[in-house]
Amino acid sequence: MLLLHDYFRSSAGYRVRIALNLKGVEYRRNDVMLLENQQRSPEHLARNPQGFVPALDTGTRVLTQSLAIVEWLDARFPEPRLIPADPDARADAMARALVIACDIHPLNNLRVMRWLKRDIGADEPKRDDWTRHWIAEGFAALEAMAEAGGGEGPFLGGAAPDVSDICLVPQMFNARRFDTPLDAYPRLLAADAACQALPSFAAAHPDRVKP
């Protein structure tokens, strides 16, 4: 059985939990408590030299980086497909996913928040403003992308969730945690609601897996 080294509130870990659930793949979880710096332990660094979660132990190797894990799952467990096979649809889906995974999430994760506090001296209200700013900038672009290329919906890529929806839902969770105004993103809200109605997404929610 697969073993997912994870943290319940990690956006990247949340993505992988959704993907595993959508695929119907059985897995166990091991909590790596980020606030306690367990990700920097020698044991975890041996799994992932970056000291990040998630890390997925397949029994023969350990996979890191959430989108690389999703791609491996698509190759290993082809249905339902999360990254489209069609080159144009694949490029669109990955572009949407990467707006979140590369341009929003890295600016708002724990190590950046700690750096802003420790090295820049930013207090909590300023750090929260930082978080909301980068979410809003990314969501504005993603809303336009979804509107232009999402077809009939209800998901970002059309009739079924894809890798971009897997990235969207955890980021919407974070947006709400930080009281980010969301009314300007009706397409994203609709896709998030459609995803949350699916058992595979609901079961991956941080509230369902927190220690």
C-alpha atoms as a PDB file:
ATOM      1  CA  MET A   1       0.000   0.000   0.000  1.00  0.00           C
ATOM      2  CA  LEU A   2       1.182   3.522  -0.751  1.00  0.00           C
ATOM      3  CA  LEU A   3       2.320   5.648   2.187  1.00  0.00           C
ATOM      4  CA  LEU A   4       1.754   9.395   1.984  1.00  0.00           C
ATOM      5  CA  HIS A   5       3.942  11.554   4.200  1.00  0.00           C
ATOM      6  CA  ASP A   6       1.707  14.554   4.560  1.00  0.00           C
ATOM      7  CA  TYR A   7       0.492  17.462   6.672  1.00  0.00           C
ATOM      8  CA  PHE A   8      -3.239  17.960   6.953  1.00  0.00           C
ATOM      9  CA  ARG A   9      -3.146  21.658   6.030  1.00  0.00           C
ATOM     10  CA  SER A  10      -0.480  21.454   3.331  1.00  0.00           C
ATOM     11  CA  SER A  11      -1.895  22.594  -0.006  1.00  0.00           C
ATOM     12  CA  ALA A  12       0.441  20.276  -1.881  1.00  0.00           C
ATOM     13  CA  GLY A  13      -0.470  17.336   0.334  1.00  0.00           C
ATOM     14  CA  TYR A  14      -4.165  18.147  -0.071  1.00  0.00           C
ATOM     15  CA  ARG A  15      -3.730  17.965  -3.868  1.00  0.00           C
ATOM     16  CA  VAL A  16      -2.239  14.488  -3.658  1.00  0.00           C
ATOM     17  CA  ARG A  17      -4.947  13.263  -1.280  1.00  0.00           C
ATOM     18  CA  ILE A  18      -7.579  14.405  -3.787  1.00  0.00           C
ATOM     19  CA  ALA A  19      -5.781  12.687  -6.660  1.00  0.00           C
ATOM     20  CA  LEU A  20      -5.423   9.422  -4.749  1.00  0.00           C
ATOM     21  CA  ASN A  21      -9.105   9.523  -3.794  1.00  0.00           C
ATOM     22  CA  LEU A  22     -10.221  10.242  -7.357  1.00  0.00           C
ATOM     23  CA  LYS A  23      -8.181   7.278  -8.553  1.00  0.00           C
ATOM     24  CA  GLY A  24      -9.599   5.048  -5.819  1.00  0.00           C
ATOM     25  CA  VAL A  25      -6.092   4.129  -4.703  1.00  0.00           C
ATOM     26  CA  GLU A  26      -5.668   2.875  -1.145  1.00  0.00           C
ATOM     27  CA  TYR A  27      -3.010   4.620   0.894  1.00  0.00           C
ATOM     28  CA  ARG A  28      -1.917   5.278   4.433  1.00  0.00           C
ATOM     29  CA  ARG A  29      -0.900   8.657   5.840  1.00  0.00           C
ATOM     30  CA  ASN A  30       1.974   9.657   8.059  1.00  0.00           C
ATOM     31  CA  ASP A  31       1.625  13.114   9.567  1.00  0.00           C
ATOM     32  CA  VAL A  32       4.709  15.294   9.265  1.00  0.00           C
ATOM     33  CA  MET A  33       3.975  18.143  11.652  1.00  0.00           C
ATOM     34  CA  LEU A  34       5.244  21.271   9.947  1.00  0.00           C
ATOM     35  CA  LEU A  35       4.698  23.626  12.869  1.00  0.00           C
ATOM     36  CA  GLU A  36       6.959  21.355  14.918  1.00  0.00           C
ATOM     37  CA  ASN A  37       9.605  21.341  12.138  1.00  0.00           C
ATOM     38  CA  GLN A  38       9.397  17.594  11.628  1.00  0.00           C
ATOM     39  CA  GLN A  39       9.963  18.255   7.915  1.00  0.00           C
ATOM     40  CA  ARG A  40      13.549  19.212   8.794  1.00  0.00           C
ATOM     41  CA  SER A  41      14.264  15.989  10.679  1.00  0.00           C
ATOM     42  CA  PRO A  42      16.992  13.720   9.287  1.00  0.00           C
ATOM     43  CA  GLU A  43      14.363  11.041   8.732  1.00  0.00           C
ATOM     44  CA  HIS A  44      12.219  13.261   6.532  1.00  0.00           C
ATOM     45  CA  LEU A  45      15.151  14.884   4.727  1.00  0.00           C
ATOM     46  CA  ALA A  46      16.206  11.373   3.709  1.00  0.00           C
ATOM     47  CA  ARG A  47      12.828  11.074   1.972  1.00  0.00           C
ATOM     48  CA  ASN A  48      12.822  14.561   0.491  1.00  0.00           C
ATOM     49  CA  PRO A  49      16.001  16.669   0.543  1.00  0.00           C
ATOM     50  CA  GLN A  50      13.883  19.816   0.179  1.00  0.00           C
ATOM     51  CA  GLY A  51      12.214  19.111   3.499  1.00  0.00           C
ATOM     52  CA  PHE A  52       8.753  19.497   1.985  1.00  0.00           C
ATOM     53  CA  VAL A  53       5.557  17.500   2.014  1.00  0.00           C
ATOM     54  CA  PRO A  54       4.102  15.531   0.401  1.00  0.00           C
ATOM     55  CA  ALA A  55       6.356  12.559  -0.122  1.00  0.00           C
ATOM     56  CA  LEU A  56       4.747   9.408  -1.502  1.00  0.00           C
ATOM     57  CA  ASP A  57       6.427   6.099  -0.687  1.00  0.00           C
ATOM     58  CA  THR A  58       5.486   3.611  -3.396  1.00  0.00           C
ATOM     59  CA  GLY A  59       7.263   0.695  -1.748  1.00  0.00           C
ATOM     60  CA  THR A  60      10.158   0.882  -4.182  1.00  0.00           C
ATOM     61  CA  ARG A  61      10.928   4.594  -4.150  1.00  0.00           C
ATOM     62  CA  VAL A  62       9.768   7.918  -2.711  1.00  0.00           C
ATOM     63  CA  LEU A  63       8.151  10.489  -4.983  1.00  0.00           C
ATOM     64  CA  THR A  64       8.133  14.218  -4.235  1.00  0.00           C
ATOM     65  CA  GLN A  65       6.520  17.370  -5.668  1.00  0.00           C
ATOM     66  CA  SER A  66       2.735  17.188  -5.831  1.00  0.00           C
ATOM     67  CA  LEU A  67       2.305  17.634  -9.581  1.00  0.00           C
ATOM     68  CA  ALA A  68       5.005  15.070 -10.307  1.00  0.00           C
ATOM     69  CA  ILE A  69       3.110  12.683  -8.043  1.00  0.00           C
ATOM     70  CA  VAL A  70      -0.162  13.416  -9.876  1.00  0.00           C
ATOM     71  CA  GLU A  71       1.567  12.717 -13.180  1.00  0.00           C
ATOM     72  CA  TRP A  72       2.929   9.415 -11.819  1.00  0.00           C
ATOM     73  CA  LEU A  73      -0.545   8.466 -10.601  1.00  0.00           C
ATOM     74  CA  ASP A  74      -1.951   9.165 -14.064  1.00  0.00           C
ATOM     75  CA  ALA A  75       0.634   6.840 -15.589  1.00  0.00           C
ATOM     76  CA  ARG A  76       0.254   4.143 -12.938  1.00  0.00           C
ATOM     77  CA  PHE A  77      -3.533   4.326 -12.487  1.00  0.00           C
ATOM     78  CA  PRO A  78      -4.880   5.736 -15.760  1.00  0.00           C
ATOM     79  CA  GLU A  79      -8.536   6.241 -14.806  1.00  0.00           C
ATOM     80  CA  PRO A  80      -9.886   8.769 -14.324  1.00  0.00           C
ATOM     81  CA  ARG A  81      -7.287  10.770 -16.178  1.00  0.00           C
ATOM     82  CA  LEU A  82      -6.306  13.975 -14.400  1.00  0.00           C
ATOM     83  CA  ILE A  83      -3.856  15.440 -16.929  1.00  0.00           C
ATOM     84  CA  PRO A  84      -5.495  15.388 -20.370  1.00  0.00           C
ATOM     85  CA  ALA A  85      -3.903  13.336 -23.126  1.00  0.00           C
ATOM     86  CA  ASP A  86      -4.820  15.802 -25.871  1.00  0.00           C
ATOM     87  CA  PRO A  87      -1.866  18.208 -26.236  1.00  0.00           C
ATOM     88  CA  ASP A  88      -3.975  21.377 -26.329  1.00  0.00           C
ATOM     89  CA  ALA A  89      -6.173  20.366 -23.396  1.00  0.00           C
ATOM     90  CA  ARG A  90      -3.080  19.224 -21.493  1.00  0.00           C
ATOM     91  CA  ALA A  91      -1.359  22.577 -21.986  1.00  0.00           C
ATOM     92  CA  ASP A  92      -4.473  24.440 -20.843  1.00  0.00           C
ATOM     93  CA  ALA A  93      -4.939  22.276 -17.760  1.00  0.00           C
ATOM     94  CA  MET A  94      -1.292  22.521 -16.751  1.00  0.00           C
ATOM     95  CA  ALA A  95      -1.257  26.285 -17.285  1.00  0.00           C
ATOM     96  CA  ARG A  96      -4.196  26.654 -14.915  1.00  0.00           C
ATOM     97  CA  ALA A  97      -2.627  24.305 -12.370  1.00  0.00           C
ATOM     98  CA  LEU A  98       0.712  26.094 -12.496  1.00  0.00           C
ATOM     99  CA  VAL A  99      -0.842  29.505 -11.825  1.00  0.00           C
ATOM    100  CA  ILE A 100      -1.570  28.074  -8.393  1.00  0.00           C
ATOM    101  CA  ALA A 101       1.257  25.605  -7.865  1.00  0.00           C
ATOM    102  CA  CYS A 102       4.042  27.902  -9.111  1.00  0.00           C
ATOM    103  CA  ASP A 103       2.775  31.478  -8.838  1.00  0.00           C
ATOM    104  CA  ILE A 104       0.442  31.640  -5.815  1.00  0.00           C
ATOM    105  CA  HIS A 105       1.211  28.845  -3.396  1.00  0.00           C
ATOM    106  CA  PRO A 106       5.020  29.168  -3.102  1.00  0.00           C
ATOM    107  CA  LEU A 107       4.723  32.816  -2.048  1.00  0.00           C
ATOM    108  CA  ASN A 108       2.351  31.963   0.779  1.00  0.00           C
ATOM    109  CA  ASN A 109       3.716  28.780   2.283  1.00  0.00           C
ATOM    110  CA  LEU A 110       5.058  28.348   5.804  1.00  0.00           C
ATOM    111  CA  ARG A 111       8.738  28.924   5.100  1.00  0.00           C
ATOM    112  CA  VAL A 112       7.961  32.253   3.375  1.00  0.00           C
ATOM    113  CA  MET A 113       5.689  33.345   6.234  1.00  0.00           C
ATOM    114  CA  ARG A 114       8.428  32.513   8.720  1.00  0.00           C
ATOM    115  CA  TRP A 115      10.999  34.418   6.656  1.00  0.00           C
ATOM    116  CA  LEU A 116       8.748  37.490   6.422  1.00  0.00           C
ATOM    117  CA  LYS A 117       8.377  37.461  10.206  1.00  0.00           C
ATOM    118  CA  ARG A 118      11.971  36.615  11.125  1.00  0.00           C
ATOM    119  CA  ASP A 119      14.028  38.469   8.524  1.00  0.00           C
ATOM    120  CA  ILE A 120      11.743  41.238   7.294  1.00  0.00           C
ATOM    121  CA  GLY A 121       9.974  41.960  10.550  1.00  0.00           C
ATOM    122  CA  ALA A 122       6.509  41.817   9.016  1.00  0.00           C
ATOM    123  CA  ASP A 123       3.800  41.539  11.641  1.00  0.00           C
ATOM    124  CA  GLU A 124       0.812  39.228  11.270  1.00  0.00           C
ATOM    125  CA  PRO A 125      -1.530  41.785   9.599  1.00  0.00           C
ATOM    126  CA  LYS A 126       1.137  42.551   7.001  1.00  0.00           C
ATOM    127  CA  ARG A 127       1.776  38.859   6.392  1.00  0.00           C
ATOM    128  CA  ASP A 128      -1.941  38.305   5.937  1.00  0.00           C
ATOM    129  CA  ASP A 129      -2.084  41.215   3.471  1.00  0.00           C
ATOM    130  CA  TRP A 130       0.818  39.611   1.582  1.00  0.00           C
ATOM    131  CA  THR A 131      -1.055  36.321   1.397  1.00  0.00           C
ATOM    132  CA  ARG A 132      -4.283  37.911   0.171  1.00  0.00           C
ATOM    133  CA  HIS A 133      -2.439  40.014  -2.400  1.00  0.00           C
ATOM    134  CA  TRP A 134      -0.804  37.060  -4.148  1.00  0.00           C
ATOM    135  CA  ILE A 135      -3.957  34.961  -4.005  1.00  0.00           C
ATOM    136  CA  ALA A 136      -5.990  37.778  -5.560  1.00  0.00           C
ATOM    137  CA  GLU A 137      -3.449  38.415  -8.297  1.00  0.00           C
ATOM    138  CA  GLY A 138      -3.335  34.752  -9.248  1.00  0.00           C
ATOM    139  CA  PHE A 139      -7.075  34.201  -8.964  1.00  0.00           C
ATOM    140  CA  ALA A 140      -7.812  37.162 -11.258  1.00  0.00           C
ATOM    141  CA  ALA A 141      -5.712  35.560 -13.982  1.00  0.00           C
ATOM    142  CA  LEU A 142      -7.103  32.094 -13.323  1.00  0.00           C
ATOM    143  CA  GLU A 143     -10.687  33.375 -13.471  1.00  0.00           C
ATOM    144  CA  ALA A 144     -10.023  34.822 -16.925  1.00  0.00           C
ATOM    145  CA  MET A 145      -8.321  31.616 -18.080  1.00  0.00           C
ATOM    146  CA  ALA A 146     -11.191  29.474 -16.837  1.00  0.00           C
ATOM    147  CA  GLU A 147     -13.766  31.732 -18.438  1.00  0.00           C
ATOM    148  CA  ALA A 148     -11.955  31.595 -21.764  1.00  0.00           C
ATOM    149  CA  GLY A 149     -11.253  27.882 -21.895  1.00  0.00           C
ATOM    150  CA  GLY A 150     -13.492  26.013 -19.500  1.00  0.00           C
ATOM    151  CA  GLY A 151     -16.336  25.149 -21.827  1.00  0.00           C
ATOM    152  CA  GLU A 152     -19.647  24.383 -20.158  1.00  0.00           C
ATOM    153  CA  GLY A 153     -18.156  23.545 -16.790  1.00  0.00           C
ATOM    154  CA  PRO A 154     -18.867  22.968 -13.998  1.00  0.00           C
ATOM    155  CA  PHE A 155     -15.160  22.279 -13.441  1.00  0.00           C
ATOM    156  CA  LEU A 156     -12.269  24.447 -14.607  1.00  0.00           C
ATOM    157  CA  GLY A 157     -11.608  22.257 -17.616  1.00  0.00           C
ATOM    158  CA  GLY A 158     -15.169  21.250 -18.413  1.00  0.00           C
ATOM    159  CA  ALA A 159     -17.319  18.292 -17.441  1.00  0.00           C
ATOM    160  CA  ALA A 160     -14.828  16.456 -15.194  1.00  0.00           C
ATOM    161  CA  PRO A 161     -12.238  17.623 -12.675  1.00  0.00           C
ATOM    162  CA  ASP A 162      -8.646  17.751 -13.830  1.00  0.00           C
ATOM    163  CA  VAL A 163      -5.287  18.642 -12.359  1.00  0.00           C
ATOM    164  CA  SER A 164      -6.216  22.325 -12.197  1.00  0.00           C
ATOM    165  CA  ASP A 165      -9.258  21.604 -10.032  1.00  0.00           C
ATOM    166  CA  ILE A 166      -7.025  19.510  -7.776  1.00  0.00           C
ATOM    167  CA  CYS A 167      -4.886  22.622  -7.296  1.00  0.00           C
ATOM    168  CA  LEU A 168      -7.813  25.038  -7.026  1.00  0.00           C
ATOM    169  CA  VAL A 169      -9.621  23.454  -4.090  1.00  0.00           C
ATOM    170  CA  PRO A 170      -6.703  23.607  -1.613  1.00  0.00           C
ATOM    171  CA  GLN A 171      -5.975  27.173  -2.681  1.00  0.00           C
ATOM    172  CA  MET A 172      -9.608  28.155  -2.122  1.00  0.00           C
ATOM    173  CA  PHE A 173      -9.316  26.629   1.352  1.00  0.00           C
ATOM    174  CA  ASN A 174      -6.294  28.845   2.007  1.00  0.00           C
ATOM    175  CA  ALA A 175      -8.049  31.890   0.573  1.00  0.00           C
ATOM    176  CA  ARG A 176     -10.902  31.451   3.015  1.00  0.00           C
ATOM    177  CA  ARG A 177      -8.521  30.873   5.924  1.00  0.00           C
ATOM    178  CA  PHE A 178      -7.061  34.312   5.260  1.00  0.00           C
ATOM    179  CA  ASP A 179     -10.401  36.024   4.563  1.00  0.00           C
ATOM    180  CA  THR A 180      -9.590  36.706   0.935  1.00  0.00           C
ATOM    181  CA  PRO A 181     -12.557  38.336  -0.857  1.00  0.00           C
ATOM    182  CA  LEU A 182     -13.789  35.888  -3.505  1.00  0.00           C
ATOM    183  CA  ASP A 183     -16.848  37.510  -5.093  1.00  0.00           C
ATOM    184  CA  ALA A 184     -14.799  38.596  -8.108  1.00  0.00           C
ATOM    185  CA  TYR A 185     -14.168  34.958  -9.077  1.00  0.00           C
ATOM    186  CA  PRO A 186     -17.567  33.374  -9.864  1.00  0.00           C
ATOM    187  CA  ARG A 187     -16.045  30.772 -12.200  1.00  0.00           C
ATOM    188  CA  LEU A 188     -13.602  29.646  -9.538  1.00  0.00           C
ATOM    189  CA  LEU A 189     -16.312  29.567  -6.883  1.00  0.00           C
ATOM    190  CA  ALA A 190     -18.517  27.423  -9.116  1.00  0.00           C
ATOM    191  CA  ALA A 191     -15.711  24.974  -9.853  1.00  0.00           C
ATOM    192  CA  ASP A 192     -14.802  24.779  -6.175  1.00  0.00           C
ATOM    193  CA  ALA A 193     -18.410  24.069  -5.218  1.00  0.00           C
ATOM    194  CA  ALA A 194     -18.703  21.350  -7.871  1.00  0.00           C
ATOM    195  CA  CYS A 195     -15.525  19.736  -6.570  1.00  0.00           C
ATOM    196  CA  GLN A 196     -16.546  19.951  -2.928  1.00  0.00           C
ATOM    197  CA  ALA A 197     -19.737  18.052  -3.778  1.00  0.00           C
ATOM    198  CA  LEU A 198     -17.660  15.025  -4.831  1.00  0.00           C
ATOM    199  CA  PRO A 199     -16.807  12.493  -2.104  1.00  0.00           C
ATOM    200  CA  SER A 200     -13.201  12.232  -3.320  1.00  0.00           C
ATOM    201  CA  PHE A 201     -12.624  15.919  -2.685  1.00  0.00           C
ATOM    202  CA  ALA A 202     -14.624  16.035   0.539  1.00  0.00           C
ATOM    203  CA  ALA A 203     -12.684  13.126   2.045  1.00  0.00           C
ATOM    204  CA  ALA A 204      -9.375  14.930   1.406  1.00  0.00           C
ATOM    205  CA  HIS A 205     -10.399  18.114   3.249  1.00  0.00           C
ATOM    206  CA  PRO A 206      -8.031  19.094   6.059  1.00  0.00           C
ATOM    207  CA  ASP A 207     -10.817  18.885   8.611  1.00  0.00           C
ATOM    208  CA  ARG A 208     -11.331  15.219   7.682  1.00  0.00           C
ATOM    209  CA  VAL A 209      -7.695  14.176   8.095  1.00  0.00           C
ATOM    210  CA  LYS A 210      -6.232  16.457  10.763  1.00  0.00           C
ATOM    211  CA  PRO A 211      -4.561  14.646  13.671  1.00  0.00           C
END
